[in-house]
Amino acid sequence: MIGSLMMCVSVVVLLCGMLLGIVMGISEDFVLQPAHAHLNLLGGVMLFLFGLYYRVVPAAGGSRLAKFQGWLHIAGGLLLPAGVAVVVTHGNAFVAIPIVGSLITLAAMALFAVIVFRTARV
């Protein structure tokens, strides 16, 4: 089920984000702070919340749209912070990477909104 996969990926991503934060703290070099924040929020927290919704509302998590949304968010949630890190460390010549990542993440969020409106019990 996509919900379980999303939750598992999110905890791995959060562990990586926490390790990045610890490394930054130890080295007192916080240049990757924007990438760290995006990794934790998009790749960790949001991914976990999406997965939790899919577990709580099985009708939502069982759809093909949910599977597509999940994989799309995983891709965007990793590409955006990686792109931010590349831009911060190598310059604006690579700005297309986080832009593409943010557009993928936005598309995944829009799909999630559609899924929620279709399956929410009001």
PDB file of N, CA and C in Angstrom:
ATOM      1  N   MET A   1       0.844  -1.186   0.000  1.00  0.00           N
ATOM      2  CA  MET A   1       0.000   0.000   0.000  1.00  0.00           C
ATOM      3  C   MET A   1       0.889   1.250   0.000  1.00  0.00           C
ATOM      4  N   ILE A   2       0.493   2.236  -0.747  1.00  0.00           N
ATOM      5  CA  ILE A   2       1.306   3.443  -0.916  1.00  0.00           C
ATOM      6  C   ILE A   2       1.479   4.197   0.404  1.00  0.00           C
ATOM      7  N   GLY A   3       0.466   4.166   1.267  1.00  0.00           N
ATOM      8  CA  GLY A   3       0.567   4.865   2.548  1.00  0.00           C
ATOM      9  C   GLY A   3       1.716   4.352   3.399  1.00  0.00           C
ATOM     10  N   SER A   4       1.851   3.033   3.457  1.00  0.00           N
ATOM     11  CA  SER A   4       2.944   2.438   4.237  1.00  0.00           C
ATOM     12  C   SER A   4       4.299   2.782   3.629  1.00  0.00           C
ATOM     13  N   LEU A   5       4.386   2.717   2.310  1.00  0.00           N
ATOM     14  CA  LEU A   5       5.641   3.075   1.645  1.00  0.00           C
ATOM     15  C   LEU A   5       6.014   4.524   1.940  1.00  0.00           C
ATOM     16  N   MET A   6       5.040   5.418   1.844  1.00  0.00           N
ATOM     17  CA  MET A   6       5.315   6.836   2.088  1.00  0.00           C
ATOM     18  C   MET A   6       5.795   7.060   3.517  1.00  0.00           C
ATOM     19  N   MET A   7       5.182   6.374   4.469  1.00  0.00           N
ATOM     20  CA  MET A   7       5.593   6.537   5.857  1.00  0.00           C
ATOM     21  C   MET A   7       7.008   5.999   6.083  1.00  0.00           C
ATOM     22  N   CYS A   8       7.333   4.871   5.465  1.00  0.00           N
ATOM     23  CA  CYS A   8       8.685   4.311   5.597  1.00  0.00           C
ATOM     24  C   CYS A   8       9.731   5.219   4.961  1.00  0.00           C
ATOM     25  N   VAL A   9       9.446   5.711   3.768  1.00  0.00           N
ATOM     26  CA  VAL A   9      10.383   6.623   3.108  1.00  0.00           C
ATOM     27  C   VAL A   9      10.549   7.886   3.948  1.00  0.00           C
ATOM     28  N   SER A  10       9.463   8.371   4.518  1.00  0.00           N
ATOM     29  CA  SER A  10       9.538   9.619   5.289  1.00  0.00           C
ATOM     30  C   SER A  10      10.446   9.488   6.507  1.00  0.00           C
ATOM     31  N   VAL A  11      10.406   8.354   7.200  1.00  0.00           N
ATOM     32  CA  VAL A  11      11.268   8.238   8.379  1.00  0.00           C
ATOM     33  C   VAL A  11      12.741   8.135   7.989  1.00  0.00           C
ATOM     34  N   VAL A  12      13.027   7.511   6.848  1.00  0.00           N
ATOM     35  CA  VAL A  12      14.409   7.464   6.364  1.00  0.00           C
ATOM     36  C   VAL A  12      14.881   8.875   5.994  1.00  0.00           C
ATOM     37  N   VAL A  13      14.012   9.614   5.303  1.00  0.00           N
ATOM     38  CA  VAL A  13      14.348  10.986   4.911  1.00  0.00           C
ATOM     39  C   VAL A  13      14.536  11.864   6.144  1.00  0.00           C
ATOM     40  N   LEU A  14      13.674  11.708   7.143  1.00  0.00           N
ATOM     41  CA  LEU A  14      13.825  12.496   8.369  1.00  0.00           C
ATOM     42  C   LEU A  14      15.122  12.162   9.095  1.00  0.00           C
ATOM     43  N   LEU A  15      15.493  10.891   9.120  1.00  0.00           N
ATOM     44  CA  LEU A  15      16.778  10.531   9.721  1.00  0.00           C
ATOM     45  C   LEU A  15      17.934  11.213   8.992  1.00  0.00           C
ATOM     46  N   CYS A  16      17.871  11.216   7.657  1.00  0.00           N
ATOM     47  CA  CYS A  16      18.906  11.899   6.866  1.00  0.00           C
ATOM     48  C   CYS A  16      18.907  13.399   7.150  1.00  0.00           C
ATOM     49  N   GLY A  17      17.729  13.984   7.239  1.00  0.00           N
ATOM     50  CA  GLY A  17      17.623  15.411   7.544  1.00  0.00           C
ATOM     51  C   GLY A  17      18.175  15.743   8.919  1.00  0.00           C
ATOM     52  N   MET A  18      17.894  14.879   9.885  1.00  0.00           N
ATOM     53  CA  MET A  18      18.425  15.099  11.232  1.00  0.00           C
ATOM     54  C   MET A  18      19.947  14.971  11.250  1.00  0.00           C
ATOM     55  N   LEU A  19      20.451  13.975  10.542  1.00  0.00           N
ATOM     56  CA  LEU A  19      21.911  13.813  10.471  1.00  0.00           C
ATOM     57  C   LEU A  19      22.568  15.023   9.820  1.00  0.00           C
ATOM     58  N   LEU A  20      21.952  15.537   8.760  1.00  0.00           N
ATOM     59  CA  LEU A  20      22.472  16.748   8.117  1.00  0.00           C
ATOM     60  C   LEU A  20      22.485  17.907   9.111  1.00  0.00           C
ATOM     61  N   GLY A  21      21.430  18.041   9.881  1.00  0.00           N
ATOM     62  CA  GLY A  21      21.375  19.100  10.886  1.00  0.00           C
ATOM     63  C   GLY A  21      22.458  18.947  11.944  1.00  0.00           C
ATOM     64  N   ILE A  22      22.704  17.720  12.377  1.00  0.00           N
ATOM     65  CA  ILE A  22      23.743  17.464  13.374  1.00  0.00           C
ATOM     66  C   ILE A  22      25.126  17.785  12.804  1.00  0.00           C
ATOM     67  N   VAL A  23      25.363  17.350  11.561  1.00  0.00           N
ATOM     68  CA  VAL A  23      26.651  17.639  10.913  1.00  0.00           C
ATOM     69  C   VAL A  23      26.851  19.150  10.782  1.00  0.00           C
ATOM     70  N   MET A  24      25.793  19.857  10.393  1.00  0.00           N
ATOM     71  CA  MET A  24      25.909  21.320  10.282  1.00  0.00           C
ATOM     72  C   MET A  24      26.226  21.934  11.642  1.00  0.00           C
ATOM     73  N   GLY A  25      25.568  21.449  12.684  1.00  0.00           N
ATOM     74  CA  GLY A  25      25.813  21.985  14.018  1.00  0.00           C
ATOM     75  C   GLY A  25      27.225  21.730  14.504  1.00  0.00           C
ATOM     76  N   ILE A  26      27.694  20.505  14.295  1.00  0.00           N
ATOM     77  CA  ILE A  26      29.052  20.158  14.729  1.00  0.00           C
ATOM     78  C   ILE A  26      30.093  20.991  13.995  1.00  0.00           C
ATOM     79  N   SER A  27      29.889  21.149  12.689  1.00  0.00           N
ATOM     80  CA  SER A  27      30.868  21.894  11.890  1.00  0.00           C
ATOM     81  C   SER A  27      30.659  23.407  11.954  1.00  0.00           C
ATOM     82  N   GLU A  28      29.546  23.820  12.547  1.00  0.00           N
ATOM     83  CA  GLU A  28      29.162  25.237  12.620  1.00  0.00           C
ATOM     84  C   GLU A  28      29.123  25.883  11.244  1.00  0.00           C
ATOM     85  N   ASP A  29      28.705  25.097  10.263  1.00  0.00           N
ATOM     86  CA  ASP A  29      28.549  25.571   8.886  1.00  0.00           C
ATOM     87  C   ASP A  29      27.102  25.311   8.475  1.00  0.00           C
ATOM     88  N   PHE A  30      26.319  26.366   8.441  1.00  0.00           N
ATOM     89  CA  PHE A  30      24.880  26.222   8.214  1.00  0.00           C
ATOM     90  C   PHE A  30      24.462  26.621   6.808  1.00  0.00           C
ATOM     91  N   VAL A  31      25.377  26.520   5.866  1.00  0.00           N
ATOM     92  CA  VAL A  31      25.084  26.925   4.500  1.00  0.00           C
ATOM     93  C   VAL A  31      23.981  26.052   3.885  1.00  0.00           C
ATOM     94  N   LEU A  32      23.851  24.822   4.321  1.00  0.00           N
ATOM     95  CA  LEU A  32      22.827  23.929   3.767  1.00  0.00           C
ATOM     96  C   LEU A  32      21.512  23.960   4.552  1.00  0.00           C
ATOM     97  N   GLN A  33      21.354  24.949   5.403  1.00  0.00           N
ATOM     98  CA  GLN A  33      20.135  25.053   6.205  1.00  0.00           C
ATOM     99  C   GLN A  33      18.855  25.055   5.352  1.00  0.00           C
ATOM    100  N   PRO A  34      18.803  25.783   4.227  1.00  0.00           N
ATOM    101  CA  PRO A  34      17.573  25.734   3.417  1.00  0.00           C
ATOM    102  C   PRO A  34      17.276  24.332   2.876  1.00  0.00           C
ATOM    103  N   ALA A  35      18.305  23.614   2.469  1.00  0.00           N
ATOM    104  CA  ALA A  35      18.111  22.245   1.982  1.00  0.00           C
ATOM    105  C   ALA A  35      17.645  21.342   3.126  1.00  0.00           C
ATOM    106  N   HIS A  36      18.236  21.518   4.288  1.00  0.00           N
ATOM    107  CA  HIS A  36      17.870  20.757   5.485  1.00  0.00           C
ATOM    108  C   HIS A  36      16.395  20.963   5.823  1.00  0.00           C
ATOM    109  N   ALA A  37      15.957  22.203   5.802  1.00  0.00           N
ATOM    110  CA  ALA A  37      14.560  22.516   6.136  1.00  0.00           C
ATOM    111  C   ALA A  37      13.597  21.907   5.115  1.00  0.00           C
ATOM    112  N   HIS A  38      13.916  22.040   3.839  1.00  0.00           N
ATOM    113  CA  HIS A  38      13.049  21.475   2.800  1.00  0.00           C
ATOM    114  C   HIS A  38      13.031  19.953   2.855  1.00  0.00           C
ATOM    115  N   LEU A  39      14.164  19.351   3.138  1.00  0.00           N
ATOM    116  CA  LEU A  39      14.233  17.900   3.249  1.00  0.00           C
ATOM    117  C   LEU A  39      13.342  17.408   4.384  1.00  0.00           C
ATOM    118  N   ASN A  40      13.440  18.056   5.531  1.00  0.00           N
ATOM    119  CA  ASN A  40      12.635  17.637   6.675  1.00  0.00           C
ATOM    120  C   ASN A  40      11.142  17.873   6.451  1.00  0.00           C
ATOM    121  N   LEU A  41      10.793  19.035   5.933  1.00  0.00           N
ATOM    122  CA  LEU A  41       9.376  19.357   5.790  1.00  0.00           C
ATOM    123  C   LEU A  41       8.730  18.606   4.631  1.00  0.00           C
ATOM    124  N   LEU A  42       9.306  18.714   3.433  1.00  0.00           N
ATOM    125  CA  LEU A  42       8.689  18.088   2.257  1.00  0.00           C
ATOM    126  C   LEU A  42       8.922  16.587   2.215  1.00  0.00           C
ATOM    127  N   GLY A  43      10.165  16.185   2.410  1.00  0.00           N
ATOM    128  CA  GLY A  43      10.497  14.776   2.294  1.00  0.00           C
ATOM    129  C   GLY A  43      10.133  13.962   3.517  1.00  0.00           C
ATOM    130  N   GLY A  44      10.045  14.622   4.645  1.00  0.00           N
ATOM    131  CA  GLY A  44       9.740  13.905   5.885  1.00  0.00           C
ATOM    132  C   GLY A  44       8.328  14.105   6.372  1.00  0.00           C
ATOM    133  N   VAL A  45       8.040  15.286   6.843  1.00  0.00           N
ATOM    134  CA  VAL A  45       6.765  15.547   7.507  1.00  0.00           C
ATOM    135  C   VAL A  45       5.574  15.407   6.554  1.00  0.00           C
ATOM    136  N   MET A  46       5.622  16.089   5.426  1.00  0.00           N
ATOM    137  CA  MET A  46       4.483  16.029   4.506  1.00  0.00           C
ATOM    138  C   MET A  46       4.278  14.614   3.974  1.00  0.00           C
ATOM    139  N   LEU A  47       5.356  13.947   3.642  1.00  0.00           N
ATOM    140  CA  LEU A  47       5.254  12.583   3.131  1.00  0.00           C
ATOM    141  C   LEU A  47       4.618  11.667   4.177  1.00  0.00           C
ATOM    142  N   PHE A  48       4.998  11.845   5.431  1.00  0.00           N
ATOM    143  CA  PHE A  48       4.409  11.034   6.499  1.00  0.00           C
ATOM    144  C   PHE A  48       2.920  11.323   6.645  1.00  0.00           C
ATOM    145  N   LEU A  49       2.556  12.600   6.594  1.00  0.00           N
ATOM    146  CA  LEU A  49       1.143  12.952   6.723  1.00  0.00           C
ATOM    147  C   LEU A  49       0.306  12.401   5.573  1.00  0.00           C
ATOM    148  N   PHE A  50       0.833  12.462   4.353  1.00  0.00           N
ATOM    149  CA  PHE A  50       0.121  11.873   3.217  1.00  0.00           C
ATOM    150  C   PHE A  50      -0.071  10.376   3.445  1.00  0.00           C
ATOM    151  N   GLY A  51       0.999   9.706   3.844  1.00  0.00           N
ATOM    152  CA  GLY A  51       0.921   8.263   4.093  1.00  0.00           C
ATOM    153  C   GLY A  51      -0.062   7.927   5.188  1.00  0.00           C
ATOM    154  N   LEU A  52      -0.079   8.741   6.224  1.00  0.00           N
ATOM    155  CA  LEU A  52      -1.022   8.528   7.326  1.00  0.00           C
ATOM    156  C   LEU A  52      -2.461   8.674   6.837  1.00  0.00           C
ATOM    157  N   TYR A  53      -2.727   9.666   6.011  1.00  0.00           N
ATOM    158  CA  TYR A  53      -4.079   9.844   5.455  1.00  0.00           C
ATOM    159  C   TYR A  53      -4.475   8.616   4.646  1.00  0.00           C
ATOM    160  N   TYR A  54      -3.561   8.115   3.845  1.00  0.00           N
ATOM    161  CA  TYR A  54      -3.860   6.945   3.026  1.00  0.00           C
ATOM    162  C   TYR A  54      -4.097   5.702   3.874  1.00  0.00           C
ATOM    163  N   ARG A  55      -3.460   5.622   5.032  1.00  0.00           N
ATOM    164  CA  ARG A  55      -3.693   4.489   5.933  1.00  0.00           C
ATOM    165  C   ARG A  55      -5.035   4.635   6.649  1.00  0.00           C
ATOM    166  N   VAL A  56      -5.381   5.863   7.024  1.00  0.00           N
ATOM    167  CA  VAL A  56      -6.634   6.099   7.753  1.00  0.00           C
ATOM    168  C   VAL A  56      -7.841   6.021   6.822  1.00  0.00           C
ATOM    169  N   VAL A  57      -7.664   6.434   5.579  1.00  0.00           N
ATOM    170  CA  VAL A  57      -8.747   6.412   4.583  1.00  0.00           C
ATOM    171  C   VAL A  57      -8.328   5.440   3.474  1.00  0.00           C
ATOM    172  N   PRO A  58      -8.560   4.144   3.691  1.00  0.00           N
ATOM    173  CA  PRO A  58      -8.095   3.145   2.719  1.00  0.00           C
ATOM    174  C   PRO A  58      -8.661   3.348   1.314  1.00  0.00           C
ATOM    175  N   ALA A  59      -9.849   3.912   1.199  1.00  0.00           N
ATOM    176  CA  ALA A  59     -10.411   4.169  -0.128  1.00  0.00           C
ATOM    177  C   ALA A  59      -9.540   5.152  -0.905  1.00  0.00           C
ATOM    178  N   ALA A  60      -8.915   6.063  -0.202  1.00  0.00           N
ATOM    179  CA  ALA A  60      -8.024   7.033  -0.853  1.00  0.00           C
ATOM    180  C   ALA A  60      -6.699   6.381  -1.212  1.00  0.00           C
ATOM    181  N   GLY A  61      -6.139   5.616  -0.292  1.00  0.00           N
ATOM    182  CA  GLY A  61      -4.824   5.021  -0.496  1.00  0.00           C
ATOM    183  C   GLY A  61      -4.793   3.891  -1.500  1.00  0.00           C
ATOM    184  N   GLY A  62      -5.939   3.305  -1.790  1.00  0.00           N
ATOM    185  CA  GLY A  62      -5.977   2.183  -2.715  1.00  0.00           C
ATOM    186  C   GLY A  62      -6.090   2.570  -4.175  1.00  0.00           C
ATOM    187  N   SER A  63      -6.233   3.838  -4.454  1.00  0.00           N
ATOM    188  CA  SER A  63      -6.440   4.261  -5.844  1.00  0.00           C
ATOM    189  C   SER A  63      -5.119   4.374  -6.601  1.00  0.00           C
ATOM    190  N   ARG A  64      -5.207   4.264  -7.913  1.00  0.00           N
ATOM    191  CA  ARG A  64      -4.019   4.455  -8.748  1.00  0.00           C
ATOM    192  C   ARG A  64      -3.520   5.895  -8.669  1.00  0.00           C
ATOM    193  N   LEU A  65      -4.449   6.830  -8.509  1.00  0.00           N
ATOM    194  CA  LEU A  65      -4.069   8.234  -8.379  1.00  0.00           C
ATOM    195  C   LEU A  65      -3.212   8.448  -7.128  1.00  0.00           C
ATOM    196  N   ALA A  66      -3.563   7.763  -6.048  1.00  0.00           N
ATOM    197  CA  ALA A  66      -2.787   7.878  -4.808  1.00  0.00           C
ATOM    198  C   ALA A  66      -1.378   7.327  -4.999  1.00  0.00           C
ATOM    199  N   LYS A  67      -1.263   6.219  -5.697  1.00  0.00           N
ATOM    200  CA  LYS A  67       0.066   5.656  -5.957  1.00  0.00           C
ATOM    201  C   LYS A  67       0.906   6.624  -6.790  1.00  0.00           C
ATOM    202  N   PHE A  68       0.285   7.203  -7.796  1.00  0.00           N
ATOM    203  CA  PHE A  68       1.001   8.175  -8.629  1.00  0.00           C
ATOM    204  C   PHE A  68       1.390   9.395  -7.800  1.00  0.00           C
ATOM    205  N   GLN A  69       0.455   9.890  -7.000  1.00  0.00           N
ATOM    206  CA  GLN A  69       0.723  11.048  -6.150  1.00  0.00           C
ATOM    207  C   GLN A  69       1.864  10.756  -5.183  1.00  0.00           C
ATOM    208  N   GLY A  70       1.863   9.573  -4.614  1.00  0.00           N
ATOM    209  CA  GLY A  70       2.906   9.202  -3.660  1.00  0.00           C
ATOM    210  C   GLY A  70       4.288   9.185  -4.290  1.00  0.00           C
ATOM    211  N   TRP A  71       4.406   8.530  -5.428  1.00  0.00           N
ATOM    212  CA  TRP A  71       5.697   8.484  -6.113  1.00  0.00           C
ATOM    213  C   TRP A  71       6.118   9.855  -6.605  1.00  0.00           C
ATOM    214  N   LEU A  72       5.144  10.649  -7.040  1.00  0.00           N
ATOM    215  CA  LEU A  72       5.452  12.003  -7.499  1.00  0.00           C
ATOM    216  C   LEU A  72       5.998  12.843  -6.349  1.00  0.00           C
ATOM    217  N   HIS A  73       5.358  12.728  -5.181  1.00  0.00           N
ATOM    218  CA  HIS A  73       5.833  13.512  -4.043  1.00  0.00           C
ATOM    219  C   HIS A  73       7.196  13.025  -3.552  1.00  0.00           C
ATOM    220  N   ILE A  74       7.409  11.727  -3.571  1.00  0.00           N
ATOM    221  CA  ILE A  74       8.726  11.208  -3.181  1.00  0.00           C
ATOM    222  C   ILE A  74       9.799  11.811  -4.091  1.00  0.00           C
ATOM    223  N   ALA A  75       9.547  11.804  -5.392  1.00  0.00           N
ATOM    224  CA  ALA A  75      10.516  12.367  -6.345  1.00  0.00           C
ATOM    225  C   ALA A  75      10.734  13.857  -6.095  1.00  0.00           C
ATOM    226  N   GLY A  76       9.651  14.616  -6.012  1.00  0.00           N
ATOM    227  CA  GLY A  76       9.773  16.056  -5.798  1.00  0.00           C
ATOM    228  C   GLY A  76      10.333  16.406  -4.431  1.00  0.00           C
ATOM    229  N   GLY A  77       9.935  15.635  -3.418  1.00  0.00           N
ATOM    230  CA  GLY A  77      10.402  15.886  -2.056  1.00  0.00           C
ATOM    231  C   GLY A  77      11.877  15.617  -1.866  1.00  0.00           C
ATOM    232  N   LEU A  78      12.463  14.843  -2.765  1.00  0.00           N
ATOM    233  CA  LEU A  78      13.917  14.618  -2.727  1.00  0.00           C
ATOM    234  C   LEU A  78      14.656  15.553  -3.680  1.00  0.00           C
ATOM    235  N   LEU A  79      14.056  15.788  -4.849  1.00  0.00           N
ATOM    236  CA  LEU A  79      14.710  16.633  -5.852  1.00  0.00           C
ATOM    237  C   LEU A  79      14.794  18.091  -5.402  1.00  0.00           C
ATOM    238  N   LEU A  80      13.753  18.607  -4.799  1.00  0.00           N
ATOM    239  CA  LEU A  80      13.763  20.017  -4.378  1.00  0.00           C
ATOM    240  C   LEU A  80      14.881  20.309  -3.374  1.00  0.00           C
ATOM    241  N   PRO A  81      14.983  19.589  -2.256  1.00  0.00           N
ATOM    242  CA  PRO A  81      16.078  19.898  -1.329  1.00  0.00           C
ATOM    243  C   PRO A  81      17.461  19.615  -1.915  1.00  0.00           C
ATOM    244  N   ALA A  82      17.569  18.562  -2.734  1.00  0.00           N
ATOM    245  CA  ALA A  82      18.858  18.294  -3.377  1.00  0.00           C
ATOM    246  C   ALA A  82      19.222  19.448  -4.303  1.00  0.00           C
ATOM    247  N   GLY A  83      18.240  19.960  -5.030  1.00  0.00           N
ATOM    248  CA  GLY A  83      18.476  21.096  -5.914  1.00  0.00           C
ATOM    249  C   GLY A  83      18.861  22.353  -5.150  1.00  0.00           C
ATOM    250  N   VAL A  84      18.205  22.569  -4.022  1.00  0.00           N
ATOM    251  CA  VAL A  84      18.555  23.724  -3.185  1.00  0.00           C
ATOM    252  C   VAL A  84      20.006  23.594  -2.715  1.00  0.00           C
ATOM    253  N   ALA A  85      20.391  22.387  -2.314  1.00  0.00           N
ATOM    254  CA  ALA A  85      21.768  22.166  -1.858  1.00  0.00           C
ATOM    255  C   ALA A  85      22.769  22.436  -2.981  1.00  0.00           C
ATOM    256  N   VAL A  86      22.445  22.000  -4.188  1.00  0.00           N
ATOM    257  CA  VAL A  86      23.343  22.220  -5.325  1.00  0.00           C
ATOM    258  C   VAL A  86      23.455  23.712  -5.638  1.00  0.00           C
ATOM    259  N   VAL A  87      22.352  24.422  -5.607  1.00  0.00           N
ATOM    260  CA  VAL A  87      22.380  25.864  -5.884  1.00  0.00           C
ATOM    261  C   VAL A  87      23.191  26.596  -4.812  1.00  0.00           C
ATOM    262  N   VAL A  88      22.979  26.230  -3.565  1.00  0.00           N
ATOM    263  CA  VAL A  88      23.686  26.893  -2.470  1.00  0.00           C
ATOM    264  C   VAL A  88      25.191  26.643  -2.557  1.00  0.00           C
ATOM    265  N   THR A  89      25.567  25.437  -2.954  1.00  0.00           N
ATOM    266  CA  THR A  89      26.995  25.101  -2.967  1.00  0.00           C
ATOM    267  C   THR A  89      27.687  25.372  -4.299  1.00  0.00           C
ATOM    268  N   HIS A  90      26.920  25.388  -5.420  1.00  0.00           N
ATOM    269  CA  HIS A  90      27.549  25.529  -6.735  1.00  0.00           C
ATOM    270  C   HIS A  90      27.033  26.709  -7.560  1.00  0.00           C
ATOM    271  N   GLY A  91      26.068  27.441  -7.047  1.00  0.00           N
ATOM    272  CA  GLY A  91      25.639  28.655  -7.729  1.00  0.00           C
ATOM    273  C   GLY A  91      24.330  28.521  -8.503  1.00  0.00           C
ATOM    274  N   ASN A  92      23.875  29.675  -8.969  1.00  0.00           N
ATOM    275  CA  ASN A  92      22.573  29.784  -9.629  1.00  0.00           C
ATOM    276  C   ASN A  92      22.495  29.129 -11.001  1.00  0.00           C
ATOM    277  N   ALA A  93      23.591  28.654 -11.526  1.00  0.00           N
ATOM    278  CA  ALA A  93      23.550  27.970 -12.818  1.00  0.00           C
ATOM    279  C   ALA A  93      22.697  26.705 -12.744  1.00  0.00           C
ATOM    280  N   PHE A  94      22.475  26.208 -11.535  1.00  0.00           N
ATOM    281  CA  PHE A  94      21.720  24.968 -11.336  1.00  0.00           C
ATOM    282  C   PHE A  94      20.312  25.213 -10.786  1.00  0.00           C
ATOM    283  N   VAL A  95      19.830  26.430 -10.910  1.00  0.00           N
ATOM    284  CA  VAL A  95      18.549  26.801 -10.315  1.00  0.00           C
ATOM    285  C   VAL A  95      17.375  26.014 -10.911  1.00  0.00           C
ATOM    286  N   ALA A  96      17.553  25.446 -12.086  1.00  0.00           N
ATOM    287  CA  ALA A  96      16.472  24.657 -12.698  1.00  0.00           C
ATOM    288  C   ALA A  96      16.135  23.418 -11.864  1.00  0.00           C
ATOM    289  N   ILE A  97      17.115  22.884 -11.147  1.00  0.00           N
ATOM    290  CA  ILE A  97      16.872  21.661 -10.365  1.00  0.00           C
ATOM    291  C   ILE A  97      15.825  21.895  -9.270  1.00  0.00           C
ATOM    292  N   PRO A  98      16.006  22.884  -8.389  1.00  0.00           N
ATOM    293  CA  PRO A  98      14.963  23.082  -7.378  1.00  0.00           C
ATOM    294  C   PRO A  98      13.650  23.594  -7.969  1.00  0.00           C
ATOM    295  N   ILE A  99      13.718  24.285  -9.095  1.00  0.00           N
ATOM    296  CA  ILE A  99      12.475  24.740  -9.728  1.00  0.00           C
ATOM    297  C   ILE A  99      11.663  23.536 -10.184  1.00  0.00           C
ATOM    298  N   VAL A 100      12.310  22.605 -10.863  1.00  0.00           N
ATOM    299  CA  VAL A 100      11.615  21.392 -11.302  1.00  0.00           C
ATOM    300  C   VAL A 100      11.105  20.610 -10.088  1.00  0.00           C
ATOM    301  N   GLY A 101      11.945  20.487  -9.069  1.00  0.00           N
ATOM    302  CA  GLY A 101      11.524  19.795  -7.849  1.00  0.00           C
ATOM    303  C   GLY A 101      10.316  20.442  -7.201  1.00  0.00           C
ATOM    304  N   SER A 102      10.294  21.769  -7.171  1.00  0.00           N
ATOM    305  CA  SER A 102       9.156  22.461  -6.551  1.00  0.00           C
ATOM    306  C   SER A 102       7.889  22.292  -7.383  1.00  0.00           C
ATOM    307  N   LEU A 103       8.017  22.283  -8.699  1.00  0.00           N
ATOM    308  CA  LEU A 103       6.843  22.082  -9.556  1.00  0.00           C
ATOM    309  C   LEU A 103       6.303  20.655  -9.428  1.00  0.00           C
ATOM    310  N   ILE A 104       7.196  19.688  -9.307  1.00  0.00           N
ATOM    311  CA  ILE A 104       6.767  18.308  -9.085  1.00  0.00           C
ATOM    312  C   ILE A 104       6.040  18.195  -7.750  1.00  0.00           C
ATOM    313  N   THR A 105       6.600  18.817  -6.725  1.00  0.00           N
ATOM    314  CA  THR A 105       5.986  18.778  -5.399  1.00  0.00           C
ATOM    315  C   THR A 105       4.632  19.486  -5.398  1.00  0.00           C
ATOM    316  N   LEU A 106       4.538  20.593  -6.100  1.00  0.00           N
ATOM    317  CA  LEU A 106       3.257  21.302  -6.217  1.00  0.00           C
ATOM    318  C   LEU A 106       2.223  20.432  -6.915  1.00  0.00           C
ATOM    319  N   ALA A 107       2.621  19.755  -7.978  1.00  0.00           N
ATOM    320  CA  ALA A 107       1.697  18.861  -8.682  1.00  0.00           C
ATOM    321  C   ALA A 107       1.232  17.736  -7.763  1.00  0.00           C
ATOM    322  N   ALA A 108       2.148  17.187  -6.985  1.00  0.00           N
ATOM    323  CA  ALA A 108       1.782  16.127  -6.047  1.00  0.00           C
ATOM    324  C   ALA A 108       0.809  16.639  -4.997  1.00  0.00           C
ATOM    325  N   MET A 109       1.016  17.869  -4.516  1.00  0.00           N
ATOM    326  CA  MET A 109       0.106  18.448  -3.529  1.00  0.00           C
ATOM    327  C   MET A 109      -1.265  18.692  -4.133  1.00  0.00           C
ATOM    328  N   ALA A 110      -1.300  19.152  -5.382  1.00  0.00           N
ATOM    329  CA  ALA A 110      -2.585  19.371  -6.057  1.00  0.00           C
ATOM    330  C   ALA A 110      -3.331  18.045  -6.223  1.00  0.00           C
ATOM    331  N   LEU A 111      -2.615  16.993  -6.584  1.00  0.00           N
ATOM    332  CA  LEU A 111      -3.248  15.672  -6.687  1.00  0.00           C
ATOM    333  C   LEU A 111      -3.766  15.201  -5.337  1.00  0.00           C
ATOM    334  N   PHE A 112      -2.997  15.466  -4.289  1.00  0.00           N
ATOM    335  CA  PHE A 112      -3.448  15.085  -2.956  1.00  0.00           C
ATOM    336  C   PHE A 112      -4.726  15.835  -2.587  1.00  0.00           C
ATOM    337  N   ALA A 113      -4.790  17.107  -2.953  1.00  0.00           N
ATOM    338  CA  ALA A 113      -6.012  17.876  -2.684  1.00  0.00           C
ATOM    339  C   ALA A 113      -7.206  17.250  -3.393  1.00  0.00           C
ATOM    340  N   VAL A 114      -7.028  16.846  -4.635  1.00  0.00           N
ATOM    341  CA  VAL A 114      -8.106  16.184  -5.381  1.00  0.00           C
ATOM    342  C   VAL A 114      -8.529  14.908  -4.665  1.00  0.00           C
ATOM    343  N   ILE A 115      -7.550  14.118  -4.230  1.00  0.00           N
ATOM    344  CA  ILE A 115      -7.837  12.860  -3.544  1.00  0.00           C
ATOM    345  C   ILE A 115      -8.600  13.110  -2.249  1.00  0.00           C
ATOM    346  N   VAL A 116      -8.172  14.095  -1.476  1.00  0.00           N
ATOM    347  CA  VAL A 116      -8.846  14.402  -0.217  1.00  0.00           C
ATOM    348  C   VAL A 116     -10.278  14.848  -0.458  1.00  0.00           C
ATOM    349  N   PHE A 117     -10.489  15.734  -1.430  1.00  0.00           N
ATOM    350  CA  PHE A 117     -11.847  16.203  -1.694  1.00  0.00           C
ATOM    351  C   PHE A 117     -12.743  15.074  -2.196  1.00  0.00           C
ATOM    352  N   ARG A 118     -12.169  14.122  -2.896  1.00  0.00           N
ATOM    353  CA  ARG A 118     -12.949  12.984  -3.383  1.00  0.00           C
ATOM    354  C   ARG A 118     -13.310  12.000  -2.282  1.00  0.00           C
ATOM    355  N   THR A 119     -12.457  11.886  -1.255  1.00  0.00           N
ATOM    356  CA  THR A 119     -12.623  10.818  -0.267  1.00  0.00           C
ATOM    357  C   THR A 119     -12.977  11.285   1.132  1.00  0.00           C
ATOM    358  N   ALA A 120     -12.906  12.586   1.383  1.00  0.00           N
ATOM    359  CA  ALA A 120     -13.191  13.074   2.738  1.00  0.00           C
ATOM    360  C   ALA A 120     -14.665  12.902   3.056  1.00  0.00           C
ATOM    361  N   ARG A 121     -14.912  12.497   4.270  1.00  0.00           N
ATOM    362  CA  ARG A 121     -16.297  12.371   4.735  1.00  0.00           C
ATOM    363  C   ARG A 121     -16.674  13.655   5.451  1.00  0.00           C
ATOM    364  N   VAL A 122     -17.573  14.379   4.855  1.00  0.00           N
ATOM    365  CA  VAL A 122     -17.953  15.665   5.425  1.00  0.00           C
ATOM    366  C   VAL A 122     -19.301  15.565   6.084  1.00  0.00           C
TER     367      VAL A 122
END
